[in-house]
Amino acid sequence: MLTLEDYLHNLRGKGFLFQEDAIGFIYFGKHYTSADDELIKTAIELTLKAQKTFDGSFYVSLLETFTKHQLKTRKDAIRFVKENRLLAI
């Protein structure tokens, strides 16, 4: 499993360039919610899919939702998003 740093590096390689404030939001969300890397990466992925760019407040809100509902895995998070029609994915 990729670490968060490796995941961000891979995204950079695919052309997703994160500004310093975006990286700050990513790590702020991680520490604020105490979410593990799998949920962090899922929240980043879904933010990029929904917003077509990184939106820090959207990402933190999504991450808060995941942790509030005690979701632990990527699969759980995606199922939750689909079942609750939070995003069109």
PDB file of N, CA and C in Angstrom:
ATOM      1  N   MET A   1       0.841  -1.181   0.000  1.00  0.00           N
ATOM      2  CA  MET A   1       0.000   0.000   0.000  1.00  0.00           C
ATOM      3  C   MET A   1       0.885   1.242   0.000  1.00  0.00           C
ATOM      4  N   LEU A   2       0.538   2.189  -0.847  1.00  0.00           N
ATOM      5  CA  LEU A   2       1.310   3.421  -0.945  1.00  0.00           C
ATOM      6  C   LEU A   2       1.103   4.308   0.274  1.00  0.00           C
ATOM      7  N   THR A   3       2.182   4.929   0.708  1.00  0.00           N
ATOM      8  CA  THR A   3       2.048   5.939   1.758  1.00  0.00           C
ATOM      9  C   THR A   3       1.420   7.182   1.136  1.00  0.00           C
ATOM     10  N   LEU A   4       0.991   8.095   1.959  1.00  0.00           N
ATOM     11  CA  LEU A   4       0.419   9.337   1.465  1.00  0.00           C
ATOM     12  C   LEU A   4       1.436  10.094   0.610  1.00  0.00           C
ATOM     13  N   GLU A   5       2.662  10.145   1.064  1.00  0.00           N
ATOM     14  CA  GLU A   5       3.700  10.843   0.293  1.00  0.00           C
ATOM     15  C   GLU A   5       3.903  10.212  -1.076  1.00  0.00           C
ATOM     16  N   ASP A   6       3.950   8.873  -1.128  1.00  0.00           N
ATOM     17  CA  ASP A   6       4.101   8.173  -2.405  1.00  0.00           C
ATOM     18  C   ASP A   6       2.908   8.441  -3.315  1.00  0.00           C
ATOM     19  N   TYR A   7       1.719   8.453  -2.738  1.00  0.00           N
ATOM     20  CA  TYR A   7       0.503   8.715  -3.499  1.00  0.00           C
ATOM     21  C   TYR A   7       0.551  10.114  -4.119  1.00  0.00           C
ATOM     22  N   LEU A   8       0.925  11.105  -3.331  1.00  0.00           N
ATOM     23  CA  LEU A   8       1.030  12.470  -3.846  1.00  0.00           C
ATOM     24  C   LEU A   8       2.097  12.566  -4.932  1.00  0.00           C
ATOM     25  N   HIS A   9       3.189  11.860  -4.741  1.00  0.00           N
ATOM     26  CA  HIS A   9       4.257  11.837  -5.750  1.00  0.00           C
ATOM     27  C   HIS A   9       3.736  11.226  -7.061  1.00  0.00           C
ATOM     28  N   ASN A  10       2.981  10.139  -6.952  1.00  0.00           N
ATOM     29  CA  ASN A  10       2.405   9.512  -8.145  1.00  0.00           C
ATOM     30  C   ASN A  10       1.434  10.448  -8.853  1.00  0.00           C
ATOM     31  N   LEU A  11       0.635  11.175  -8.090  1.00  0.00           N
ATOM     32  CA  LEU A  11      -0.289  12.132  -8.704  1.00  0.00           C
ATOM     33  C   LEU A  11       0.463  13.242  -9.432  1.00  0.00           C
ATOM     34  N   ARG A  12       1.553  13.698  -8.835  1.00  0.00           N
ATOM     35  CA  ARG A  12       2.384  14.709  -9.507  1.00  0.00           C
ATOM     36  C   ARG A  12       2.887  14.182 -10.834  1.00  0.00           C
ATOM     37  N   GLY A  13       3.284  12.906 -10.844  1.00  0.00           N
ATOM     38  CA  GLY A  13       3.757  12.276 -12.073  1.00  0.00           C
ATOM     39  C   GLY A  13       2.683  12.181 -13.136  1.00  0.00           C
ATOM     40  N   LYS A  14       1.424  12.190 -12.722  1.00  0.00           N
ATOM     41  CA  LYS A  14       0.295  12.137 -13.655  1.00  0.00           C
ATOM     42  C   LYS A  14      -0.196  13.528 -14.046  1.00  0.00           C
ATOM     43  N   GLY A  15       0.484  14.565 -13.556  1.00  0.00           N
ATOM     44  CA  GLY A  15       0.140  15.921 -13.941  1.00  0.00           C
ATOM     45  C   GLY A  15      -0.668  16.715 -12.940  1.00  0.00           C
ATOM     46  N   PHE A  16      -0.984  16.134 -11.781  1.00  0.00           N
ATOM     47  CA  PHE A  16      -1.695  16.877 -10.750  1.00  0.00           C
ATOM     48  C   PHE A  16      -0.670  17.620  -9.902  1.00  0.00           C
ATOM     49  N   LEU A  17      -0.596  18.919 -10.109  1.00  0.00           N
ATOM     50  CA  LEU A  17       0.370  19.723  -9.379  1.00  0.00           C
ATOM     51  C   LEU A  17      -0.337  20.414  -8.219  1.00  0.00           C
ATOM     52  N   PHE A  18       0.068  20.069  -7.030  1.00  0.00           N
ATOM     53  CA  PHE A  18      -0.535  20.638  -5.835  1.00  0.00           C
ATOM     54  C   PHE A  18       0.284  21.838  -5.381  1.00  0.00           C
ATOM     55  N   GLN A  19      -0.417  22.941  -5.122  1.00  0.00           N
ATOM     56  CA  GLN A  19       0.237  24.117  -4.574  1.00  0.00           C
ATOM     57  C   GLN A  19       0.532  23.851  -3.100  1.00  0.00           C
ATOM     58  N   GLU A  20       1.376  24.682  -2.529  1.00  0.00           N
ATOM     59  CA  GLU A  20       1.763  24.501  -1.127  1.00  0.00           C
ATOM     60  C   GLU A  20       0.560  24.530  -0.188  1.00  0.00           C
ATOM     61  N   ASP A  21      -0.420  25.399  -0.483  1.00  0.00           N
ATOM     62  CA  ASP A  21      -1.602  25.462   0.389  1.00  0.00           C
ATOM     63  C   ASP A  21      -2.425  24.173   0.300  1.00  0.00           C
ATOM     64  N   ALA A  22      -2.453  23.525  -0.861  1.00  0.00           N
ATOM     65  CA  ALA A  22      -3.167  22.257  -1.012  1.00  0.00           C
ATOM     66  C   ALA A  22      -2.505  21.172  -0.170  1.00  0.00           C
ATOM     67  N   ILE A  23      -1.194  21.119  -0.211  1.00  0.00           N
ATOM     68  CA  ILE A  23      -0.455  20.146   0.608  1.00  0.00           C
ATOM     69  C   ILE A  23      -0.736  20.417   2.083  1.00  0.00           C
ATOM     70  N   GLY A  24      -0.798  21.687   2.444  1.00  0.00           N
ATOM     71  CA  GLY A  24      -1.120  22.058   3.821  1.00  0.00           C
ATOM     72  C   GLY A  24      -2.501  21.562   4.227  1.00  0.00           C
ATOM     73  N   PHE A  25      -3.495  21.720   3.328  1.00  0.00           N
ATOM     74  CA  PHE A  25      -4.844  21.226   3.615  1.00  0.00           C
ATOM     75  C   PHE A  25      -4.857  19.708   3.762  1.00  0.00           C
ATOM     76  N   ILE A  26      -4.110  19.024   2.919  1.00  0.00           N
ATOM     77  CA  ILE A  26      -4.066  17.566   2.980  1.00  0.00           C
ATOM     78  C   ILE A  26      -3.569  17.108   4.346  1.00  0.00           C
ATOM     79  N   TYR A  27      -2.464  17.679   4.788  1.00  0.00           N
ATOM     80  CA  TYR A  27      -1.900  17.266   6.081  1.00  0.00           C
ATOM     81  C   TYR A  27      -2.712  17.813   7.260  1.00  0.00           C
ATOM     82  N   PHE A  28      -3.316  18.984   7.087  1.00  0.00           N
ATOM     83  CA  PHE A  28      -4.217  19.496   8.126  1.00  0.00           C
ATOM     84  C   PHE A  28      -5.377  18.518   8.324  1.00  0.00           C
ATOM     85  N   GLY A  29      -5.998  18.089   7.223  1.00  0.00           N
ATOM     86  CA  GLY A  29      -7.106  17.142   7.300  1.00  0.00           C
ATOM     87  C   GLY A  29      -6.698  15.836   7.942  1.00  0.00           C
ATOM     88  N   LYS A  30      -5.505  15.386   7.622  1.00  0.00           N
ATOM     89  CA  LYS A  30      -5.006  14.132   8.205  1.00  0.00           C
ATOM     90  C   LYS A  30      -4.893  14.257   9.724  1.00  0.00           C
ATOM     91  N   HIS A  31      -4.310  15.334  10.185  1.00  0.00           N
ATOM     92  CA  HIS A  31      -4.117  15.515  11.627  1.00  0.00           C
ATOM     93  C   HIS A  31      -5.417  15.883  12.340  1.00  0.00           C
ATOM     94  N   TYR A  32      -6.247  16.686  11.703  1.00  0.00           N
ATOM     95  CA  TYR A  32      -7.506  17.133  12.292  1.00  0.00           C
ATOM     96  C   TYR A  32      -8.465  15.964  12.515  1.00  0.00           C
ATOM     97  N   THR A  33      -8.499  15.017  11.565  1.00  0.00           N
ATOM     98  CA  THR A  33      -9.442  13.903  11.657  1.00  0.00           C
ATOM     99  C   THR A  33      -8.809  12.618  12.187  1.00  0.00           C
ATOM    100  N   SER A  34      -7.503  12.583  12.256  1.00  0.00           N
ATOM    101  CA  SER A  34      -6.769  11.370  12.644  1.00  0.00           C
ATOM    102  C   SER A  34      -7.073  10.190  11.718  1.00  0.00           C
ATOM    103  N   ALA A  35      -7.413  10.497  10.489  1.00  0.00           N
ATOM    104  CA  ALA A  35      -7.712   9.455   9.503  1.00  0.00           C
ATOM    105  C   ALA A  35      -6.417   8.797   9.045  1.00  0.00           C
ATOM    106  N   ASP A  36      -6.528   7.550   8.640  1.00  0.00           N
ATOM    107  CA  ASP A  36      -5.341   6.872   8.126  1.00  0.00           C
ATOM    108  C   ASP A  36      -5.143   7.217   6.650  1.00  0.00           C
ATOM    109  N   ASP A  37      -3.995   6.825   6.126  1.00  0.00           N
ATOM    110  CA  ASP A  37      -3.630   7.190   4.754  1.00  0.00           C
ATOM    111  C   ASP A  37      -4.631   6.699   3.717  1.00  0.00           C
ATOM    112  N   GLU A  38      -5.245   5.542   3.940  1.00  0.00           N
ATOM    113  CA  GLU A  38      -6.194   5.018   2.958  1.00  0.00           C
ATOM    114  C   GLU A  38      -7.394   5.956   2.788  1.00  0.00           C
ATOM    115  N   LEU A  39      -7.932   6.463   3.895  1.00  0.00           N
ATOM    116  CA  LEU A  39      -9.054   7.401   3.798  1.00  0.00           C
ATOM    117  C   LEU A  39      -8.608   8.746   3.244  1.00  0.00           C
ATOM    118  N   ILE A  40      -7.423   9.173   3.606  1.00  0.00           N
ATOM    119  CA  ILE A  40      -6.878  10.438   3.091  1.00  0.00           C
ATOM    120  C   ILE A  40      -6.775  10.359   1.569  1.00  0.00           C
ATOM    121  N   LYS A  41      -6.189   9.280   1.078  1.00  0.00           N
ATOM    122  CA  LYS A  41      -6.023   9.109  -0.377  1.00  0.00           C
ATOM    123  C   LYS A  41      -7.376   9.027  -1.071  1.00  0.00           C
ATOM    124  N   THR A  42      -8.340   8.360  -0.448  1.00  0.00           N
ATOM    125  CA  THR A  42      -9.682   8.264  -1.035  1.00  0.00           C
ATOM    126  C   THR A  42     -10.340   9.636  -1.090  1.00  0.00           C
ATOM    127  N   ALA A  43     -10.200  10.418  -0.036  1.00  0.00           N
ATOM    128  CA  ALA A  43     -10.774  11.766  -0.020  1.00  0.00           C
ATOM    129  C   ALA A  43     -10.119  12.645  -1.080  1.00  0.00           C
ATOM    130  N   ILE A  44      -8.820  12.512  -1.278  1.00  0.00           N
ATOM    131  CA  ILE A  44      -8.131  13.275  -2.322  1.00  0.00           C
ATOM    132  C   ILE A  44      -8.668  12.853  -3.688  1.00  0.00           C
ATOM    133  N   GLU A  45      -8.734  11.554  -3.926  1.00  0.00           N
ATOM    134  CA  GLU A  45      -9.219  11.030  -5.211  1.00  0.00           C
ATOM    135  C   GLU A  45     -10.632  11.535  -5.516  1.00  0.00           C
ATOM    136  N   LEU A  46     -11.528  11.424  -4.546  1.00  0.00           N
ATOM    137  CA  LEU A  46     -12.911  11.843  -4.769  1.00  0.00           C
ATOM    138  C   LEU A  46     -13.028  13.354  -4.930  1.00  0.00           C
ATOM    139  N   THR A  47     -12.194  14.091  -4.225  1.00  0.00           N
ATOM    140  CA  THR A  47     -12.176  15.552  -4.391  1.00  0.00           C
ATOM    141  C   THR A  47     -11.773  15.915  -5.807  1.00  0.00           C
ATOM    142  N   LEU A  48     -10.722  15.281  -6.304  1.00  0.00           N
ATOM    143  CA  LEU A  48     -10.261  15.568  -7.668  1.00  0.00           C
ATOM    144  C   LEU A  48     -11.308  15.169  -8.703  1.00  0.00           C
ATOM    145  N   LYS A  49     -11.977  14.042  -8.493  1.00  0.00           N
ATOM    146  CA  LYS A  49     -13.010  13.602  -9.432  1.00  0.00           C
ATOM    147  C   LYS A  49     -14.216  14.542  -9.421  1.00  0.00           C
ATOM    148  N   ALA A  50     -14.621  14.972  -8.246  1.00  0.00           N
ATOM    149  CA  ALA A  50     -15.816  15.813  -8.128  1.00  0.00           C
ATOM    150  C   ALA A  50     -15.557  17.263  -8.520  1.00  0.00           C
ATOM    151  N   GLN A  51     -14.401  17.786  -8.141  1.00  0.00           N
ATOM    152  CA  GLN A  51     -14.117  19.211  -8.330  1.00  0.00           C
ATOM    153  C   GLN A  51     -13.245  19.507  -9.555  1.00  0.00           C
ATOM    154  N   LYS A  52     -12.631  18.465 -10.110  1.00  0.00           N
ATOM    155  CA  LYS A  52     -11.714  18.596 -11.259  1.00  0.00           C
ATOM    156  C   LYS A  52     -10.429  19.349 -10.917  1.00  0.00           C
ATOM    157  N   THR A  53     -10.309  19.711  -9.667  1.00  0.00           N
ATOM    158  CA  THR A  53      -9.113  20.347  -9.123  1.00  0.00           C
ATOM    159  C   THR A  53      -9.149  20.094  -7.621  1.00  0.00           C
ATOM    160  N   PHE A  54      -8.071  20.421  -6.930  1.00  0.00           N
ATOM    161  CA  PHE A  54      -8.085  20.192  -5.487  1.00  0.00           C
ATOM    162  C   PHE A  54      -8.726  21.371  -4.787  1.00  0.00           C
ATOM    163  N   ASP A  55      -9.780  21.097  -4.042  1.00  0.00           N
ATOM    164  CA  ASP A  55     -10.488  22.097  -3.247  1.00  0.00           C
ATOM    165  C   ASP A  55     -10.324  21.688  -1.787  1.00  0.00           C
ATOM    166  N   GLY A  56      -9.503  22.424  -1.066  1.00  0.00           N
ATOM    167  CA  GLY A  56      -9.155  22.060   0.300  1.00  0.00           C
ATOM    168  C   GLY A  56     -10.337  21.947   1.235  1.00  0.00           C
ATOM    169  N   SER A  57     -11.278  22.881   1.158  1.00  0.00           N
ATOM    170  CA  SER A  57     -12.418  22.828   2.071  1.00  0.00           C
ATOM    171  C   SER A  57     -13.334  21.650   1.734  1.00  0.00           C
ATOM    172  N   PHE A  58     -13.488  21.340   0.461  1.00  0.00           N
ATOM    173  CA  PHE A  58     -14.285  20.183   0.053  1.00  0.00           C
ATOM    174  C   PHE A  58     -13.642  18.903   0.581  1.00  0.00           C
ATOM    175  N   TYR A  59     -12.328  18.804   0.419  1.00  0.00           N
ATOM    176  CA  TYR A  59     -11.574  17.638   0.883  1.00  0.00           C
ATOM    177  C   TYR A  59     -11.717  17.435   2.391  1.00  0.00           C
ATOM    178  N   VAL A  60     -11.543  18.498   3.167  1.00  0.00           N
ATOM    179  CA  VAL A  60     -11.639  18.384   4.627  1.00  0.00           C
ATOM    180  C   VAL A  60     -13.061  17.997   5.027  1.00  0.00           C
ATOM    181  N   SER A  61     -14.057  18.573   4.383  1.00  0.00           N
ATOM    182  CA  SER A  61     -15.444  18.236   4.679  1.00  0.00           C
ATOM    183  C   SER A  61     -15.729  16.765   4.375  1.00  0.00           C
ATOM    184  N   LEU A  62     -15.237  16.283   3.256  1.00  0.00           N
ATOM    185  CA  LEU A  62     -15.411  14.885   2.890  1.00  0.00           C
ATOM    186  C   LEU A  62     -14.722  13.976   3.903  1.00  0.00           C
ATOM    187  N   LEU A  63     -13.519  14.338   4.273  1.00  0.00           N
ATOM    188  CA  LEU A  63     -12.767  13.556   5.257  1.00  0.00           C
ATOM    189  C   LEU A  63     -13.468  13.549   6.617  1.00  0.00           C
ATOM    190  N   GLU A  64     -14.015  14.686   7.018  1.00  0.00           N
ATOM    191  CA  GLU A  64     -14.778  14.750   8.270  1.00  0.00           C
ATOM    192  C   GLU A  64     -15.989  13.819   8.207  1.00  0.00           C
ATOM    193  N   THR A  65     -16.651  13.784   7.066  1.00  0.00           N
ATOM    194  CA  THR A  65     -17.801  12.901   6.891  1.00  0.00           C
ATOM    195  C   THR A  65     -17.384  11.447   7.032  1.00  0.00           C
ATOM    196  N   PHE A  66     -16.269  11.086   6.421  1.00  0.00           N
ATOM    197  CA  PHE A  66     -15.781   9.706   6.520  1.00  0.00           C
ATOM    198  C   PHE A  66     -15.507   9.314   7.968  1.00  0.00           C
ATOM    199  N   THR A  67     -14.834  10.186   8.692  1.00  0.00           N
ATOM    200  CA  THR A  67     -14.479   9.843  10.070  1.00  0.00           C
ATOM    201  C   THR A  67     -15.696   9.901  10.995  1.00  0.00           C
ATOM    202  N   LYS A  68     -16.610  10.829  10.742  1.00  0.00           N
ATOM    203  CA  LYS A  68     -17.836  10.928  11.547  1.00  0.00           C
ATOM    204  C   LYS A  68     -18.641   9.628  11.463  1.00  0.00           C
ATOM    205  N   HIS A  69     -18.638   9.034  10.288  1.00  0.00           N
ATOM    206  CA  HIS A  69     -19.391   7.795  10.070  1.00  0.00           C
ATOM    207  C   HIS A  69     -18.527   6.553  10.290  1.00  0.00           C
ATOM    208  N   GLN A  70     -17.351   6.757  10.849  1.00  0.00           N
ATOM    209  CA  GLN A  70     -16.430   5.682  11.226  1.00  0.00           C
ATOM    210  C   GLN A  70     -16.088   4.746  10.071  1.00  0.00           C
ATOM    211  N   LEU A  71     -15.920   5.325   8.889  1.00  0.00           N
ATOM    212  CA  LEU A  71     -15.508   4.542   7.722  1.00  0.00           C
ATOM    213  C   LEU A  71     -14.022   4.259   7.846  1.00  0.00           C
ATOM    214  N   LYS A  72     -13.614   3.063   7.500  1.00  0.00           N
ATOM    215  CA  LYS A  72     -12.220   2.665   7.696  1.00  0.00           C
ATOM    216  C   LYS A  72     -11.471   2.373   6.396  1.00  0.00           C
ATOM    217  N   THR A  73     -12.193   1.983   5.346  1.00  0.00           N
ATOM    218  CA  THR A  73     -11.518   1.566   4.116  1.00  0.00           C
ATOM    219  C   THR A  73     -11.997   2.392   2.930  1.00  0.00           C
ATOM    220  N   ARG A  74     -11.229   2.318   1.855  1.00  0.00           N
ATOM    221  CA  ARG A  74     -11.599   2.983   0.608  1.00  0.00           C
ATOM    222  C   ARG A  74     -12.942   2.455   0.128  1.00  0.00           C
ATOM    223  N   LYS A  75     -13.099   1.153   0.186  1.00  0.00           N
ATOM    224  CA  LYS A  75     -14.338   0.510  -0.255  1.00  0.00           C
ATOM    225  C   LYS A  75     -15.538   1.039   0.537  1.00  0.00           C
ATOM    226  N   ASP A  76     -15.387   1.142   1.862  1.00  0.00           N
ATOM    227  CA  ASP A  76     -16.463   1.676   2.702  1.00  0.00           C
ATOM    228  C   ASP A  76     -16.793   3.121   2.330  1.00  0.00           C
ATOM    229  N   ALA A  77     -15.766   3.919   2.101  1.00  0.00           N
ATOM    230  CA  ALA A  77     -15.963   5.332   1.781  1.00  0.00           C
ATOM    231  C   ALA A  77     -16.679   5.501   0.443  1.00  0.00           C
ATOM    232  N   ILE A  78     -16.263   4.752  -0.548  1.00  0.00           N
ATOM    233  CA  ILE A  78     -16.893   4.866  -1.861  1.00  0.00           C
ATOM    234  C   ILE A  78     -18.337   4.366  -1.803  1.00  0.00           C
ATOM    235  N   ARG A  79     -18.576   3.277  -1.101  1.00  0.00           N
ATOM    236  CA  ARG A  79     -19.940   2.775  -0.943  1.00  0.00           C
ATOM    237  C   ARG A  79     -20.811   3.832  -0.255  1.00  0.00           C
ATOM    238  N   PHE A  80     -20.283   4.449   0.799  1.00  0.00           N
ATOM    239  CA  PHE A  80     -21.022   5.477   1.529  1.00  0.00           C
ATOM    240  C   PHE A  80     -21.374   6.653   0.615  1.00  0.00           C
ATOM    241  N   VAL A  81     -20.410   7.105  -0.161  1.00  0.00           N
ATOM    242  CA  VAL A  81     -20.628   8.233  -1.073  1.00  0.00           C
ATOM    243  C   VAL A  81     -21.709   7.887  -2.093  1.00  0.00           C
ATOM    244  N   LYS A  82     -21.652   6.675  -2.643  1.00  0.00           N
ATOM    245  CA  LYS A  82     -22.651   6.259  -3.638  1.00  0.00           C
ATOM    246  C   LYS A  82     -24.033   6.090  -3.008  1.00  0.00           C
ATOM    247  N   GLU A  83     -24.094   5.408  -1.879  1.00  0.00           N
ATOM    248  CA  GLU A  83     -25.386   5.156  -1.227  1.00  0.00           C
ATOM    249  C   GLU A  83     -26.081   6.446  -0.799  1.00  0.00           C
ATOM    250  N   ASN A  84     -25.290   7.424  -0.395  1.00  0.00           N
ATOM    251  CA  ASN A  84     -25.846   8.689   0.072  1.00  0.00           C
ATOM    252  C   ASN A  84     -25.879   9.760  -1.012  1.00  0.00           C
ATOM    253  N   ARG A  85     -25.470   9.361  -2.204  1.00  0.00           N
ATOM    254  CA  ARG A  85     -25.484  10.254  -3.383  1.00  0.00           C
ATOM    255  C   ARG A  85     -24.804  11.595  -3.092  1.00  0.00           C
ATOM    256  N   LEU A  86     -23.651  11.483  -2.424  1.00  0.00           N
ATOM    257  CA  LEU A  86     -22.899  12.702  -2.098  1.00  0.00           C
ATOM    258  C   LEU A  86     -22.172  13.264  -3.313  1.00  0.00           C
ATOM    259  N   LEU A  87     -21.761  12.381  -4.202  1.00  0.00           N
ATOM    260  CA  LEU A  87     -21.049  12.784  -5.405  1.00  0.00           C
ATOM    261  C   LEU A  87     -21.560  11.963  -6.585  1.00  0.00           C
ATOM    262  N   ALA A  88     -21.427  12.510  -7.748  1.00  0.00           N
ATOM    263  CA  ALA A  88     -21.793  11.769  -8.963  1.00  0.00           C
ATOM    264  C   ALA A  88     -20.541  11.054  -9.468  1.00  0.00           C
ATOM    265  N   ILE A  89     -20.302   9.862  -8.919  1.00  0.00           N
ATOM    266  CA  ILE A  89     -19.136   9.090  -9.360  1.00  0.00           C
ATOM    267  C   ILE A  89     -19.576   7.745  -9.911  1.00  0.00           C
TER     268      ILE A  89
END
